[in-house]
Amino acid sequence: MTEPVVEIRDLTFAYNGQDVLSDISLTVASGQRLAVLGPNGGGKTTLLKLILGILTPTSGTITVFGDVPGRQSARIGYVPQRLDGVAERRDLPVRVREVVLMGLLRPGRNGFRYTTEEVARADAALARVEMPGLADKRFCELSGGQKQRTLLARALVAEPGLLILD
């Protein structure tokens, strides 16, 4: 049997002493798809942040690719729910292809220089999300849907073993 991609056992998480998630257990195997549904404020994004290692559980355990959350980030593609902050800044000159290439940034990487092969991978990821002609357009000039597609391409460019869509 292969190791689970995500394994959660008896997970509880609280904000300011108030439980948001309580006694959650689940296993996601390679190749499986999982949808987490629930009301606004029900803890869906909190669960994803726990899997990503952004938050720490109050109790219980999480492993991602057999390791603690946050240590396998190079194997995870993540698309956030909202485009807060930088994505809305109109004065940043970043281009769509550059945003997608950010999906290849990893700890220890030296700078923002990319190989011809990496640029080709970024362009292929843009083609997968049906945006090949927008690679040189400024990110801030895109529609909201085009920005989401760009962030999806950024998540896909590294060919992750786990794709998280918030």
C-alpha atoms as a PDB file:
ATOM      1  CA  MET A   1       0.000   0.000   0.000  1.00  0.00           C
ATOM      2  CA  THR A   2       1.321   3.448  -0.863  1.00  0.00           C
ATOM      3  CA  GLU A   3       1.667   6.231   1.646  1.00  0.00           C
ATOM      4  CA  PRO A   4      -1.313   8.629   1.783  1.00  0.00           C
ATOM      5  CA  VAL A   5      -0.875  12.086   0.300  1.00  0.00           C
ATOM      6  CA  VAL A   6      -2.743  13.614   3.267  1.00  0.00           C
ATOM      7  CA  GLU A   7      -3.576  11.895   6.521  1.00  0.00           C
ATOM      8  CA  ILE A   8      -5.447  13.650   9.324  1.00  0.00           C
ATOM      9  CA  ARG A   9      -6.177  11.999  12.674  1.00  0.00           C
ATOM     10  CA  ASP A  10      -8.352  13.407  15.487  1.00  0.00           C
ATOM     11  CA  LEU A  11      -7.722  17.003  14.378  1.00  0.00           C
ATOM     12  CA  THR A  12      -9.065  19.891  16.427  1.00  0.00           C
ATOM     13  CA  PHE A  13      -8.418  23.557  15.797  1.00  0.00           C
ATOM     14  CA  ALA A  14      -9.632  26.570  17.770  1.00  0.00           C
ATOM     15  CA  TYR A  15      -9.481  30.318  17.270  1.00  0.00           C
ATOM     16  CA  ASN A  16      -9.354  32.157  20.621  1.00  0.00           C
ATOM     17  CA  GLY A  17     -10.519  29.058  22.483  1.00  0.00           C
ATOM     18  CA  GLN A  18     -13.513  28.482  20.186  1.00  0.00           C
ATOM     19  CA  ASP A  19     -13.379  25.183  18.266  1.00  0.00           C
ATOM     20  CA  VAL A  20     -13.693  25.666  14.513  1.00  0.00           C
ATOM     21  CA  LEU A  21     -12.806  22.067  13.635  1.00  0.00           C
ATOM     22  CA  SER A  22     -13.318  19.195  16.026  1.00  0.00           C
ATOM     23  CA  ASP A  23     -12.222  15.549  15.829  1.00  0.00           C
ATOM     24  CA  ILE A  24     -11.584  15.487  12.059  1.00  0.00           C
ATOM     25  CA  SER A  25     -10.041  12.346  10.561  1.00  0.00           C
ATOM     26  CA  LEU A  26      -9.519  11.646   6.865  1.00  0.00           C
ATOM     27  CA  THR A  27      -7.093  10.085   4.436  1.00  0.00           C
ATOM     28  CA  VAL A  28      -6.473  11.157   0.847  1.00  0.00           C
ATOM     29  CA  ALA A  29      -4.621   8.669  -1.330  1.00  0.00           C
ATOM     30  CA  SER A  30      -2.698   9.448  -4.493  1.00  0.00           C
ATOM     31  CA  GLY A  31      -5.099   9.972  -7.392  1.00  0.00           C
ATOM     32  CA  GLN A  32      -8.106  10.667  -5.172  1.00  0.00           C
ATOM     33  CA  ARG A  33     -10.158  13.845  -5.306  1.00  0.00           C
ATOM     34  CA  LEU A  34     -11.784  15.365  -2.255  1.00  0.00           C
ATOM     35  CA  ALA A  35     -14.272  18.223  -2.066  1.00  0.00           C
ATOM     36  CA  VAL A  36     -14.902  19.879   1.281  1.00  0.00           C
ATOM     37  CA  LEU A  37     -18.317  21.512   1.368  1.00  0.00           C
ATOM     38  CA  GLY A  38     -19.940  23.586   4.066  1.00  0.00           C
ATOM     39  CA  PRO A  39     -21.333  26.952   5.052  1.00  0.00           C
ATOM     40  CA  ASN A  40     -19.377  30.205   5.119  1.00  0.00           C
ATOM     41  CA  GLY A  41     -17.279  30.250   8.271  1.00  0.00           C
ATOM     42  CA  GLY A  42     -17.503  26.469   8.591  1.00  0.00           C
ATOM     43  CA  GLY A  43     -13.723  25.894   8.662  1.00  0.00           C
ATOM     44  CA  LYS A  44     -12.994  24.863   5.052  1.00  0.00           C
ATOM     45  CA  THR A  45     -10.195  27.391   4.502  1.00  0.00           C
ATOM     46  CA  THR A  46      -8.896  26.730   8.019  1.00  0.00           C
ATOM     47  CA  LEU A  47      -8.592  23.023   7.162  1.00  0.00           C
ATOM     48  CA  LEU A  48      -6.625  23.874   4.005  1.00  0.00           C
ATOM     49  CA  LYS A  49      -4.324  26.195   5.960  1.00  0.00           C
ATOM     50  CA  LEU A  50      -3.670  23.375   8.433  1.00  0.00           C
ATOM     51  CA  ILE A  51      -2.771  21.020   5.568  1.00  0.00           C
ATOM     52  CA  LEU A  52      -0.472  23.682   4.100  1.00  0.00           C
ATOM     53  CA  GLY A  53       1.240  24.227   7.466  1.00  0.00           C
ATOM     54  CA  ILE A  54       0.131  27.856   7.753  1.00  0.00           C
ATOM     55  CA  LEU A  55      -1.774  27.022  10.949  1.00  0.00           C
ATOM     56  CA  THR A  56      -0.961  24.494  13.679  1.00  0.00           C
ATOM     57  CA  PRO A  57      -3.635  22.160  15.079  1.00  0.00           C
ATOM     58  CA  THR A  58      -4.799  22.548  18.657  1.00  0.00           C
ATOM     59  CA  SER A  59      -4.655  18.742  18.856  1.00  0.00           C
ATOM     60  CA  GLY A  60      -4.411  15.758  16.544  1.00  0.00           C
ATOM     61  CA  THR A  61      -1.998  15.046  13.710  1.00  0.00           C
ATOM     62  CA  ILE A  62      -1.596  15.872  10.033  1.00  0.00           C
ATOM     63  CA  THR A  63       0.892  14.413   7.607  1.00  0.00           C
ATOM     64  CA  VAL A  64       1.395  15.510   4.010  1.00  0.00           C
ATOM     65  CA  PHE A  65       3.425  13.079   1.898  1.00  0.00           C
ATOM     66  CA  GLY A  66       4.403  11.404   5.186  1.00  0.00           C
ATOM     67  CA  ASP A  67       5.858  14.591   6.686  1.00  0.00           C
ATOM     68  CA  VAL A  68       4.619  17.435   8.862  1.00  0.00           C
ATOM     69  CA  PRO A  69       2.714  20.161   7.002  1.00  0.00           C
ATOM     70  CA  GLY A  70       4.925  22.839   5.476  1.00  0.00           C
ATOM     71  CA  ARG A  71       7.917  20.601   4.769  1.00  0.00           C
ATOM     72  CA  GLN A  72       6.650  19.341   1.417  1.00  0.00           C
ATOM     73  CA  SER A  73       5.528  22.683  -0.049  1.00  0.00           C
ATOM     74  CA  ALA A  74       7.423  22.045  -3.298  1.00  0.00           C
ATOM     75  CA  ARG A  75       5.024  19.161  -3.958  1.00  0.00           C
ATOM     76  CA  ILE A  76       1.866  21.215  -3.412  1.00  0.00           C
ATOM     77  CA  GLY A  77       0.086  23.566  -5.797  1.00  0.00           C
ATOM     78  CA  TYR A  78      -2.235  26.063  -4.088  1.00  0.00           C
ATOM     79  CA  VAL A  79      -4.837  28.436  -5.504  1.00  0.00           C
ATOM     80  CA  PRO A  80      -6.197  30.885  -2.906  1.00  0.00           C
ATOM     81  CA  GLN A  81      -9.868  31.716  -2.548  1.00  0.00           C
ATOM     82  CA  ARG A  82      -9.401  35.463  -2.871  1.00  0.00           C
ATOM     83  CA  LEU A  83      -7.013  37.775  -4.663  1.00  0.00           C
ATOM     84  CA  ASP A  84      -6.264  40.080  -1.745  1.00  0.00           C
ATOM     85  CA  GLY A  85      -3.349  42.451  -1.573  1.00  0.00           C
ATOM     86  CA  VAL A  86      -0.721  42.184  -4.282  1.00  0.00           C
ATOM     87  CA  ALA A  87      -3.100  40.787  -6.903  1.00  0.00           C
ATOM     88  CA  GLU A  88      -5.106  44.002  -6.825  1.00  0.00           C
ATOM     89  CA  ARG A  89      -2.174  46.446  -6.949  1.00  0.00           C
ATOM     90  CA  ARG A  90      -2.329  48.317 -10.243  1.00  0.00           C
ATOM     91  CA  ASP A  91       1.195  49.743  -9.963  1.00  0.00           C
ATOM     92  CA  LEU A  92       3.049  46.407 -10.036  1.00  0.00           C
ATOM     93  CA  PRO A  93       4.518  45.727 -13.483  1.00  0.00           C
ATOM     94  CA  VAL A  94       4.485  41.921 -13.151  1.00  0.00           C
ATOM     95  CA  ARG A  95       3.406  40.030 -16.270  1.00  0.00           C
ATOM     96  CA  VAL A  96       1.172  36.955 -16.412  1.00  0.00           C
ATOM     97  CA  ARG A  97       4.069  34.615 -17.348  1.00  0.00           C
ATOM     98  CA  GLU A  98       6.081  35.951 -14.379  1.00  0.00           C
ATOM     99  CA  VAL A  99       3.215  35.141 -11.997  1.00  0.00           C
ATOM    100  CA  VAL A 100       3.055  31.600 -13.371  1.00  0.00           C
ATOM    101  CA  LEU A 101       6.840  31.209 -13.038  1.00  0.00           C
ATOM    102  CA  MET A 102       6.515  32.081  -9.344  1.00  0.00           C
ATOM    103  CA  GLY A 103       5.064  28.584  -8.992  1.00  0.00           C
ATOM    104  CA  LEU A 104       8.603  27.285  -9.538  1.00  0.00           C
ATOM    105  CA  LEU A 105      10.152  29.351  -6.726  1.00  0.00           C
ATOM    106  CA  ARG A 106      11.449  27.127  -3.954  1.00  0.00           C
ATOM    107  CA  PRO A 107      13.567  27.619  -0.849  1.00  0.00           C
ATOM    108  CA  GLY A 108      17.213  27.777  -1.824  1.00  0.00           C
ATOM    109  CA  ARG A 109      16.536  28.896  -5.382  1.00  0.00           C
ATOM    110  CA  ASN A 110      18.935  31.637  -6.407  1.00  0.00           C
ATOM    111  CA  GLY A 111      16.998  34.591  -7.775  1.00  0.00           C
ATOM    112  CA  PHE A 112      14.340  34.971 -10.425  1.00  0.00           C
ATOM    113  CA  ARG A 113      16.226  33.735 -13.494  1.00  0.00           C
ATOM    114  CA  TYR A 114      14.442  30.974 -15.327  1.00  0.00           C
ATOM    115  CA  THR A 115      15.650  28.475 -17.883  1.00  0.00           C
ATOM    116  CA  THR A 116      14.190  28.196 -21.363  1.00  0.00           C
ATOM    117  CA  GLU A 117      12.620  24.913 -20.262  1.00  0.00           C
ATOM    118  CA  GLU A 118      10.947  26.587 -17.247  1.00  0.00           C
ATOM    119  CA  VAL A 119       9.533  29.363 -19.441  1.00  0.00           C
ATOM    120  CA  ALA A 120       8.189  26.695 -21.804  1.00  0.00           C
ATOM    121  CA  ARG A 121       6.556  24.946 -18.825  1.00  0.00           C
ATOM    122  CA  ALA A 122       4.938  28.230 -17.784  1.00  0.00           C
ATOM    123  CA  ASP A 123       3.610  28.769 -21.296  1.00  0.00           C
ATOM    124  CA  ALA A 124       2.274  25.193 -21.353  1.00  0.00           C
ATOM    125  CA  ALA A 125       0.520  25.783 -18.020  1.00  0.00           C
ATOM    126  CA  LEU A 126      -1.068  28.941 -19.450  1.00  0.00           C
ATOM    127  CA  ALA A 127      -2.254  26.919 -22.449  1.00  0.00           C
ATOM    128  CA  ARG A 128      -3.823  24.360 -20.062  1.00  0.00           C
ATOM    129  CA  VAL A 129      -5.945  27.119 -18.520  1.00  0.00           C
ATOM    130  CA  GLU A 130      -6.796  28.496 -21.973  1.00  0.00           C
ATOM    131  CA  MET A 131      -4.736  31.698 -21.682  1.00  0.00           C
ATOM    132  CA  PRO A 132      -1.772  31.220 -24.044  1.00  0.00           C
ATOM    133  CA  GLY A 133      -2.092  34.637 -25.662  1.00  0.00           C
ATOM    134  CA  LEU A 134      -1.951  36.580 -22.403  1.00  0.00           C
ATOM    135  CA  ALA A 135       1.542  35.622 -21.178  1.00  0.00           C
ATOM    136  CA  ASP A 136       2.999  39.113 -21.724  1.00  0.00           C
ATOM    137  CA  LYS A 137      -0.001  41.069 -20.441  1.00  0.00           C
ATOM    138  CA  ARG A 138       0.267  42.852 -17.084  1.00  0.00           C
ATOM    139  CA  PHE A 139      -1.381  40.780 -14.365  1.00  0.00           C
ATOM    140  CA  CYS A 140      -3.180  43.801 -12.915  1.00  0.00           C
ATOM    141  CA  GLU A 141      -4.960  44.359 -16.253  1.00  0.00           C
ATOM    142  CA  LEU A 142      -6.660  40.954 -16.237  1.00  0.00           C
ATOM    143  CA  SER A 143     -10.275  40.304 -15.299  1.00  0.00           C
ATOM    144  CA  GLY A 144     -10.969  38.512 -12.017  1.00  0.00           C
ATOM    145  CA  GLY A 145     -11.531  35.215 -13.840  1.00  0.00           C
ATOM    146  CA  GLN A 146      -8.311  35.590 -15.821  1.00  0.00           C
ATOM    147  CA  LYS A 147      -6.415  36.268 -12.588  1.00  0.00           C
ATOM    148  CA  GLN A 148      -7.834  33.053 -11.093  1.00  0.00           C
ATOM    149  CA  ARG A 149      -6.791  31.109 -14.201  1.00  0.00           C
ATOM    150  CA  THR A 150      -3.301  32.607 -13.941  1.00  0.00           C
ATOM    151  CA  LEU A 151      -3.062  31.485 -10.313  1.00  0.00           C
ATOM    152  CA  LEU A 152      -4.255  28.020 -11.352  1.00  0.00           C
ATOM    153  CA  ALA A 153      -1.488  27.920 -13.991  1.00  0.00           C
ATOM    154  CA  ARG A 154       0.982  29.003 -11.266  1.00  0.00           C
ATOM    155  CA  ALA A 155      -0.162  26.052  -9.144  1.00  0.00           C
ATOM    156  CA  LEU A 156       0.080  23.607 -12.074  1.00  0.00           C
ATOM    157  CA  VAL A 157       3.467  24.661 -13.481  1.00  0.00           C
ATOM    158  CA  ALA A 158       5.441  22.686 -10.893  1.00  0.00           C
ATOM    159  CA  GLU A 159       3.389  19.537 -11.600  1.00  0.00           C
ATOM    160  CA  PRO A 160       2.419  19.123  -7.945  1.00  0.00           C
ATOM    161  CA  GLY A 161       1.541  15.843  -6.277  1.00  0.00           C
ATOM    162  CA  LEU A 162      -1.229  17.653  -4.386  1.00  0.00           C
ATOM    163  CA  LEU A 163      -3.373  20.459  -5.790  1.00  0.00           C
ATOM    164  CA  ILE A 164      -5.366  22.532  -3.291  1.00  0.00           C
ATOM    165  CA  LEU A 165      -8.066  24.856  -4.609  1.00  0.00           C
ATOM    166  CA  ASP A 166      -9.660  27.075  -1.998  1.00  0.00           C
END
